[in-house]
Amino acid sequence: MRFIRCGWLVFTVVCMGIVAPLGVGAHDIPSKIPKAARERKNPLEHQEAVIRNGEAVYDNLCLSCHGPNGKGDGPAAAALQHRPPDLIRMMRDQTDGELFWKITRGGGAMPSYEKTLTEGERWEVIHALRMLGERKGGR
């Protein structure tokens, strides 16, 4: 009987070691971002046309999970195991390079956009994200 209880404990620990990392979201992996990626600068100027293009991409691909104001309350968020982060709060401590890396690589429930979006579109989204907290009344 003691062997069975010990076996279940070992089984549980092993399963947690395998399953727990699967719930990690893109916002939870800053330590894995290479230094060169963190230091990468946005090559696009912060101007209205760039922001509008980024907003269009956000509305098309990001809004369903992250919501209209980046709060993680989009219509698809309820179906996710982990709620998407509040982007405005999260971005305060993130460089453009870190955001670009996360958008490119994805993580957890967030897909990689490396093949879906051009590099320019990913940089445009970052400009749009930076504006989420600055626009009057959100978007």
N, C-alpha and C. Protein backbone atom coordinates (compact mmCIF):
# COMPACT_ATOMS: atom_id res chain seq x y z
N MET A 1 0.82 -1.19 0.00
CA MET A 1 0.00 0.00 0.00
C MET A 1 0.87 1.26 0.00
N ARG A 2 1.94 1.20 0.77
CA ARG A 2 2.84 2.34 0.84
C ARG A 2 3.49 2.61 -0.52
N PHE A 3 3.83 1.55 -1.25
CA PHE A 3 4.42 1.67 -2.58
C PHE A 3 3.46 2.36 -3.54
N ILE A 4 2.17 2.05 -3.45
CA ILE A 4 1.16 2.65 -4.33
C ILE A 4 1.07 4.15 -4.07
N ARG A 5 1.02 4.55 -2.81
CA ARG A 5 0.96 5.98 -2.48
C ARG A 5 2.21 6.70 -2.98
N CYS A 6 3.35 6.11 -2.80
CA CYS A 6 4.61 6.70 -3.27
C CYS A 6 4.62 6.78 -4.79
N GLY A 7 4.10 5.75 -5.45
CA GLY A 7 4.01 5.74 -6.91
C GLY A 7 3.14 6.87 -7.44
N TRP A 8 2.01 7.12 -6.78
CA TRP A 8 1.12 8.22 -7.19
C TRP A 8 1.80 9.57 -7.00
N LEU A 9 2.56 9.69 -5.93
CA LEU A 9 3.28 10.93 -5.69
C LEU A 9 4.30 11.18 -6.79
N VAL A 10 5.06 10.16 -7.14
CA VAL A 10 6.06 10.29 -8.20
C VAL A 10 5.35 10.62 -9.52
N PHE A 11 4.27 9.90 -9.82
CA PHE A 11 3.51 10.15 -11.05
C PHE A 11 3.02 11.60 -11.10
N THR A 12 2.49 12.12 -10.00
CA THR A 12 1.98 13.49 -9.94
C THR A 12 3.10 14.50 -10.17
N VAL A 13 4.22 14.30 -9.53
CA VAL A 13 5.35 15.22 -9.67
C VAL A 13 5.85 15.23 -11.12
N VAL A 14 5.97 14.06 -11.72
CA VAL A 14 6.43 13.97 -13.11
C VAL A 14 5.44 14.67 -14.04
N CYS A 15 4.15 14.42 -13.84
CA CYS A 15 3.13 15.07 -14.69
C CYS A 15 3.17 16.58 -14.54
N MET A 16 3.34 17.08 -13.35
CA MET A 16 3.41 18.53 -13.14
C MET A 16 4.63 19.11 -13.85
N GLY A 17 5.72 18.38 -13.85
CA GLY A 17 6.93 18.83 -14.54
C GLY A 17 6.76 18.90 -16.04
N ILE A 18 5.87 18.08 -16.57
CA ILE A 18 5.63 18.07 -18.01
C ILE A 18 4.54 19.07 -18.38
N VAL A 19 3.46 19.12 -17.62
CA VAL A 19 2.29 19.92 -17.96
C VAL A 19 2.46 21.39 -17.57
N ALA A 20 3.05 21.68 -16.45
CA ALA A 20 3.15 23.06 -15.97
C ALA A 20 3.78 24.00 -16.99
N PRO A 21 4.88 23.63 -17.65
CA PRO A 21 5.46 24.56 -18.61
C PRO A 21 4.56 24.85 -19.81
N LEU A 22 3.61 23.97 -20.10
CA LEU A 22 2.74 24.19 -21.25
C LEU A 22 1.82 25.38 -21.05
N GLY A 23 1.55 25.76 -19.81
CA GLY A 23 0.67 26.89 -19.55
C GLY A 23 1.37 28.22 -19.55
N VAL A 24 2.65 28.24 -19.78
CA VAL A 24 3.41 29.48 -19.78
C VAL A 24 3.06 30.30 -21.00
N GLY A 25 2.69 31.56 -20.79
CA GLY A 25 2.33 32.43 -21.91
C GLY A 25 3.52 33.22 -22.40
N ALA A 26 3.34 33.90 -23.53
CA ALA A 26 4.43 34.68 -24.12
C ALA A 26 4.90 35.77 -23.18
N HIS A 27 4.00 36.29 -22.37
CA HIS A 27 4.36 37.36 -21.44
C HIS A 27 5.12 36.85 -20.23
N ASP A 28 5.17 35.53 -20.03
CA ASP A 28 5.81 34.95 -18.86
C ASP A 28 7.23 34.48 -19.10
N ILE A 29 7.81 34.78 -20.27
CA ILE A 29 9.10 34.20 -20.59
C ILE A 29 10.19 35.24 -20.85
N PRO A 30 10.23 36.34 -20.10
CA PRO A 30 11.24 37.36 -20.38
C PRO A 30 12.67 36.88 -20.17
N SER A 31 12.89 35.93 -19.27
CA SER A 31 14.25 35.47 -19.02
C SER A 31 14.82 34.69 -20.21
N LYS A 32 13.96 34.21 -21.10
CA LYS A 32 14.41 33.45 -22.26
C LYS A 32 14.71 34.34 -23.46
N ILE A 33 14.43 35.61 -23.35
CA ILE A 33 14.66 36.52 -24.48
C ILE A 33 16.15 36.85 -24.53
N PRO A 34 16.79 36.58 -25.65
CA PRO A 34 18.23 36.87 -25.76
C PRO A 34 18.51 38.37 -25.62
N LYS A 35 19.67 38.68 -25.08
CA LYS A 35 20.07 40.08 -24.87
C LYS A 35 20.00 40.87 -26.17
N ALA A 36 20.47 40.31 -27.26
CA ALA A 36 20.46 41.01 -28.55
C ALA A 36 19.03 41.34 -28.97
N ALA A 37 18.08 40.45 -28.68
CA ALA A 37 16.68 40.70 -29.02
C ALA A 37 16.12 41.82 -28.14
N ARG A 38 16.44 41.81 -26.85
CA ARG A 38 15.95 42.86 -25.93
C ARG A 38 16.44 44.23 -26.35
N GLU A 39 17.66 44.29 -26.88
CA GLU A 39 18.27 45.57 -27.22
C GLU A 39 17.93 46.05 -28.64
N ARG A 40 17.22 45.24 -29.39
CA ARG A 40 16.87 45.60 -30.77
C ARG A 40 15.94 46.82 -30.78
N LYS A 41 16.22 47.75 -31.67
CA LYS A 41 15.44 49.00 -31.76
C LYS A 41 14.41 48.91 -32.88
N ASN A 42 13.30 49.57 -32.68
CA ASN A 42 12.25 49.62 -33.69
C ASN A 42 12.74 50.50 -34.84
N PRO A 43 12.83 49.95 -36.05
CA PRO A 43 13.36 50.73 -37.18
C PRO A 43 12.35 51.72 -37.77
N LEU A 44 11.09 51.61 -37.38
CA LEU A 44 10.05 52.49 -37.94
C LEU A 44 9.85 53.71 -37.07
N GLU A 45 9.62 54.84 -37.71
CA GLU A 45 9.34 56.07 -36.97
C GLU A 45 7.94 56.02 -36.37
N HIS A 46 7.80 56.62 -35.22
CA HIS A 46 6.51 56.66 -34.52
C HIS A 46 5.67 57.77 -35.15
N GLN A 47 4.95 57.41 -36.22
CA GLN A 47 4.13 58.38 -36.92
C GLN A 47 2.74 57.80 -37.18
N GLU A 48 1.79 58.66 -37.47
CA GLU A 48 0.38 58.27 -37.56
C GLU A 48 0.12 57.13 -38.54
N ALA A 49 0.71 57.15 -39.72
CA ALA A 49 0.46 56.08 -40.71
C ALA A 49 0.93 54.73 -40.18
N VAL A 50 2.06 54.70 -39.52
CA VAL A 50 2.61 53.46 -38.95
C VAL A 50 1.67 52.95 -37.85
N ILE A 51 1.23 53.86 -36.99
CA ILE A 51 0.33 53.50 -35.89
C ILE A 51 -0.98 52.95 -36.44
N ARG A 52 -1.55 53.60 -37.45
CA ARG A 52 -2.81 53.13 -38.04
C ARG A 52 -2.66 51.74 -38.64
N ASN A 53 -1.55 51.51 -39.33
CA ASN A 53 -1.31 50.17 -39.89
C ASN A 53 -1.22 49.14 -38.77
N GLY A 54 -0.52 49.48 -37.70
CA GLY A 54 -0.40 48.58 -36.56
C GLY A 54 -1.73 48.33 -35.88
N GLU A 55 -2.57 49.36 -35.80
CA GLU A 55 -3.90 49.20 -35.21
C GLU A 55 -4.76 48.25 -36.04
N ALA A 56 -4.63 48.34 -37.36
CA ALA A 56 -5.40 47.44 -38.24
C ALA A 56 -4.98 45.99 -38.01
N VAL A 57 -3.68 45.76 -37.87
CA VAL A 57 -3.19 44.41 -37.62
C VAL A 57 -3.67 43.94 -36.24
N TYR A 58 -3.56 44.82 -35.24
CA TYR A 58 -4.03 44.49 -33.89
C TYR A 58 -5.50 44.10 -33.91
N ASP A 59 -6.32 44.93 -34.56
CA ASP A 59 -7.76 44.65 -34.63
C ASP A 59 -8.05 43.31 -35.29
N ASN A 60 -7.27 42.96 -36.28
CA ASN A 60 -7.49 41.73 -37.04
C ASN A 60 -6.98 40.48 -36.30
N LEU A 61 -5.83 40.57 -35.64
CA LEU A 61 -5.20 39.38 -35.07
C LEU A 61 -5.11 39.34 -33.54
N CYS A 62 -5.13 40.47 -32.89
CA CYS A 62 -4.84 40.51 -31.45
C CYS A 62 -6.06 40.80 -30.58
N LEU A 63 -6.96 41.60 -31.10
CA LEU A 63 -8.11 42.08 -30.33
C LEU A 63 -8.96 40.95 -29.77
N SER A 64 -9.11 39.86 -30.50
CA SER A 64 -9.99 38.78 -30.04
C SER A 64 -9.55 38.22 -28.69
N CYS A 65 -8.27 38.20 -28.40
CA CYS A 65 -7.78 37.73 -27.10
C CYS A 65 -7.44 38.89 -26.16
N HIS A 66 -6.73 39.88 -26.67
CA HIS A 66 -6.23 40.96 -25.81
C HIS A 66 -7.25 42.06 -25.56
N GLY A 67 -8.33 42.12 -26.35
CA GLY A 67 -9.38 43.11 -26.13
C GLY A 67 -9.08 44.44 -26.77
N PRO A 68 -10.08 45.31 -26.87
CA PRO A 68 -9.92 46.60 -27.56
C PRO A 68 -8.95 47.55 -26.87
N ASN A 69 -8.77 47.40 -25.58
CA ASN A 69 -7.87 48.28 -24.84
C ASN A 69 -6.65 47.54 -24.29
N GLY A 70 -6.42 46.31 -24.77
CA GLY A 70 -5.24 45.56 -24.35
C GLY A 70 -5.31 45.00 -22.95
N LYS A 71 -6.50 44.87 -22.39
CA LYS A 71 -6.65 44.42 -21.01
C LYS A 71 -6.74 42.90 -20.85
N GLY A 72 -6.66 42.17 -21.97
CA GLY A 72 -6.76 40.71 -21.90
C GLY A 72 -8.18 40.22 -21.78
N ASP A 73 -9.13 41.07 -22.19
CA ASP A 73 -10.54 40.75 -22.02
C ASP A 73 -11.29 40.64 -23.36
N GLY A 74 -10.60 40.20 -24.38
CA GLY A 74 -11.24 40.03 -25.68
C GLY A 74 -12.23 38.87 -25.64
N PRO A 75 -13.09 38.77 -26.65
CA PRO A 75 -14.12 37.73 -26.66
C PRO A 75 -13.57 36.30 -26.64
N ALA A 76 -12.38 36.07 -27.15
CA ALA A 76 -11.80 34.72 -27.15
C ALA A 76 -11.04 34.41 -25.87
N ALA A 77 -10.78 35.41 -25.04
CA ALA A 77 -9.98 35.22 -23.83
C ALA A 77 -10.61 34.24 -22.86
N ALA A 78 -11.92 34.22 -22.79
CA ALA A 78 -12.61 33.34 -21.84
C ALA A 78 -12.34 31.86 -22.13
N ALA A 79 -12.05 31.53 -23.36
CA ALA A 79 -11.80 30.14 -23.74
C ALA A 79 -10.37 29.69 -23.45
N LEU A 80 -9.50 30.62 -23.09
CA LEU A 80 -8.10 30.29 -22.85
C LEU A 80 -7.88 29.82 -21.41
N GLN A 81 -6.92 28.95 -21.24
CA GLN A 81 -6.60 28.44 -19.90
C GLN A 81 -6.08 29.58 -19.00
N HIS A 82 -5.25 30.46 -19.58
CA HIS A 82 -4.71 31.60 -18.84
C HIS A 82 -5.14 32.88 -19.56
N ARG A 83 -5.66 33.82 -18.81
CA ARG A 83 -6.09 35.08 -19.39
C ARG A 83 -4.88 35.83 -19.94
N PRO A 84 -5.01 36.41 -21.14
CA PRO A 84 -3.91 37.22 -21.66
C PRO A 84 -3.60 38.38 -20.71
N PRO A 85 -2.36 38.86 -20.72
CA PRO A 85 -1.99 39.92 -19.78
C PRO A 85 -2.57 41.27 -20.17
N ASP A 86 -2.58 42.18 -19.20
CA ASP A 86 -2.90 43.58 -19.45
C ASP A 86 -1.67 44.14 -20.17
N LEU A 87 -1.81 44.37 -21.47
CA LEU A 87 -0.66 44.79 -22.27
C LEU A 87 -0.09 46.13 -21.84
N ILE A 88 -0.93 47.07 -21.46
CA ILE A 88 -0.45 48.40 -21.06
C ILE A 88 0.47 48.29 -19.85
N ARG A 89 0.04 47.53 -18.86
CA ARG A 89 0.85 47.37 -17.65
C ARG A 89 2.12 46.57 -17.96
N MET A 90 1.98 45.51 -18.74
CA MET A 90 3.11 44.65 -19.07
C MET A 90 4.17 45.40 -19.88
N MET A 91 3.73 46.24 -20.80
CA MET A 91 4.66 46.91 -21.71
C MET A 91 5.51 47.98 -21.04
N ARG A 92 5.11 48.45 -19.89
CA ARG A 92 5.89 49.50 -19.21
C ARG A 92 7.34 49.10 -19.01
N ASP A 93 7.55 47.81 -18.76
CA ASP A 93 8.90 47.32 -18.49
C ASP A 93 9.50 46.54 -19.65
N GLN A 94 8.89 46.63 -20.83
CA GLN A 94 9.35 45.87 -21.98
C GLN A 94 9.93 46.81 -23.04
N THR A 95 11.04 46.42 -23.61
CA THR A 95 11.60 47.19 -24.72
C THR A 95 10.85 46.80 -25.99
N ASP A 96 10.99 47.61 -27.03
CA ASP A 96 10.40 47.25 -28.32
C ASP A 96 10.97 45.93 -28.81
N GLY A 97 12.25 45.71 -28.57
CA GLY A 97 12.88 44.46 -28.98
C GLY A 97 12.27 43.24 -28.30
N GLU A 98 11.96 43.38 -27.00
CA GLU A 98 11.32 42.26 -26.29
C GLU A 98 9.93 41.98 -26.86
N LEU A 99 9.17 43.03 -27.13
CA LEU A 99 7.84 42.86 -27.69
C LEU A 99 7.93 42.22 -29.08
N PHE A 100 8.88 42.68 -29.89
CA PHE A 100 9.06 42.11 -31.22
C PHE A 100 9.37 40.62 -31.13
N TRP A 101 10.25 40.25 -30.20
CA TRP A 101 10.62 38.85 -30.02
C TRP A 101 9.41 38.01 -29.64
N LYS A 102 8.58 38.53 -28.72
CA LYS A 102 7.40 37.79 -28.27
C LYS A 102 6.36 37.66 -29.38
N ILE A 103 6.15 38.71 -30.14
CA ILE A 103 5.20 38.65 -31.25
C ILE A 103 5.72 37.66 -32.30
N THR A 104 7.00 37.68 -32.54
CA THR A 104 7.60 36.79 -33.53
C THR A 104 7.53 35.34 -33.09
N ARG A 105 7.91 35.05 -31.86
CA ARG A 105 8.01 33.68 -31.36
C ARG A 105 6.70 33.12 -30.82
N GLY A 106 5.88 33.99 -30.20
CA GLY A 106 4.68 33.49 -29.53
C GLY A 106 5.06 32.74 -28.28
N GLY A 107 4.10 32.07 -27.69
CA GLY A 107 4.34 31.29 -26.47
C GLY A 107 3.03 31.01 -25.79
N GLY A 108 2.89 29.87 -25.16
CA GLY A 108 1.63 29.50 -24.53
C GLY A 108 0.54 29.47 -25.59
N ALA A 109 -0.57 30.14 -25.32
CA ALA A 109 -1.70 30.16 -26.26
C ALA A 109 -1.46 31.13 -27.42
N MET A 110 -0.48 32.03 -27.27
CA MET A 110 -0.23 33.01 -28.32
C MET A 110 0.61 32.38 -29.43
N PRO A 111 0.08 32.44 -30.66
CA PRO A 111 0.84 31.85 -31.77
C PRO A 111 2.02 32.72 -32.18
N SER A 112 2.93 32.12 -32.91
CA SER A 112 4.03 32.86 -33.52
C SER A 112 3.47 33.61 -34.73
N TYR A 113 3.91 34.85 -34.89
CA TYR A 113 3.50 35.63 -36.06
C TYR A 113 4.65 35.84 -37.03
N GLU A 114 5.70 35.04 -36.88
CA GLU A 114 6.88 35.16 -37.74
C GLU A 114 6.54 34.98 -39.22
N LYS A 115 5.65 34.05 -39.52
CA LYS A 115 5.31 33.78 -40.92
C LYS A 115 3.99 34.43 -41.33
N THR A 116 3.20 34.87 -40.36
CA THR A 116 1.91 35.49 -40.63
C THR A 116 2.06 36.97 -40.95
N LEU A 117 2.98 37.63 -40.25
CA LEU A 117 3.19 39.07 -40.42
C LEU A 117 4.61 39.34 -40.92
N THR A 118 4.75 40.38 -41.72
CA THR A 118 6.09 40.80 -42.12
C THR A 118 6.77 41.43 -40.91
N GLU A 119 8.08 41.61 -41.01
CA GLU A 119 8.80 42.30 -39.92
C GLU A 119 8.22 43.69 -39.72
N GLY A 120 7.96 44.38 -40.81
CA GLY A 120 7.40 45.73 -40.72
C GLY A 120 6.06 45.76 -40.01
N GLU A 121 5.21 44.81 -40.29
CA GLU A 121 3.90 44.75 -39.62
C GLU A 121 4.06 44.50 -38.13
N ARG A 122 5.01 43.65 -37.75
CA ARG A 122 5.25 43.39 -36.33
C ARG A 122 5.74 44.65 -35.62
N TRP A 123 6.61 45.43 -36.28
CA TRP A 123 7.07 46.68 -35.68
C TRP A 123 5.92 47.69 -35.62
N GLU A 124 5.06 47.71 -36.63
CA GLU A 124 3.90 48.62 -36.63
C GLU A 124 2.97 48.30 -35.46
N VAL A 125 2.76 47.02 -35.20
CA VAL A 125 1.91 46.62 -34.08
C VAL A 125 2.48 47.15 -32.77
N ILE A 126 3.78 47.13 -32.63
CA ILE A 126 4.40 47.64 -31.41
C ILE A 126 4.12 49.12 -31.23
N HIS A 127 4.18 49.89 -32.31
CA HIS A 127 3.82 51.31 -32.22
C HIS A 127 2.36 51.45 -31.79
N ALA A 128 1.48 50.63 -32.35
CA ALA A 128 0.07 50.69 -31.98
C ALA A 128 -0.13 50.30 -30.51
N LEU A 129 0.60 49.29 -30.05
CA LEU A 129 0.49 48.87 -28.66
C LEU A 129 0.92 50.00 -27.72
N ARG A 130 1.97 50.70 -28.09
CA ARG A 130 2.44 51.81 -27.25
C ARG A 130 1.39 52.92 -27.14
N MET A 131 0.52 53.00 -28.14
CA MET A 131 -0.52 54.03 -28.14
C MET A 131 -1.78 53.61 -27.38
N LEU A 132 -1.93 52.34 -27.08
CA LEU A 132 -3.14 51.87 -26.39
C LEU A 132 -3.44 52.68 -25.14
N GLY A 133 -2.43 52.92 -24.33
CA GLY A 133 -2.63 53.64 -23.09
C GLY A 133 -2.66 55.15 -23.23
N GLU A 134 -2.29 55.65 -24.39
CA GLU A 134 -2.18 57.10 -24.59
C GLU A 134 -3.40 57.73 -25.27
N ARG A 135 -4.13 56.95 -26.05
CA ARG A 135 -5.29 57.48 -26.76
C ARG A 135 -6.40 57.76 -25.77
N LYS A 136 -7.11 58.86 -25.96
CA LYS A 136 -8.22 59.22 -25.07
C LYS A 136 -9.29 58.15 -25.09
N GLY A 137 -9.63 57.66 -23.91
CA GLY A 137 -10.69 56.68 -23.79
C GLY A 137 -10.37 55.35 -24.41
N GLY A 138 -9.09 55.05 -24.59
CA GLY A 138 -8.71 53.78 -25.22
C GLY A 138 -9.02 53.85 -26.70
N ARG A 139 -9.30 52.70 -27.28
CA ARG A 139 -9.58 52.64 -28.72
C ARG A 139 -11.02 52.33 -28.95
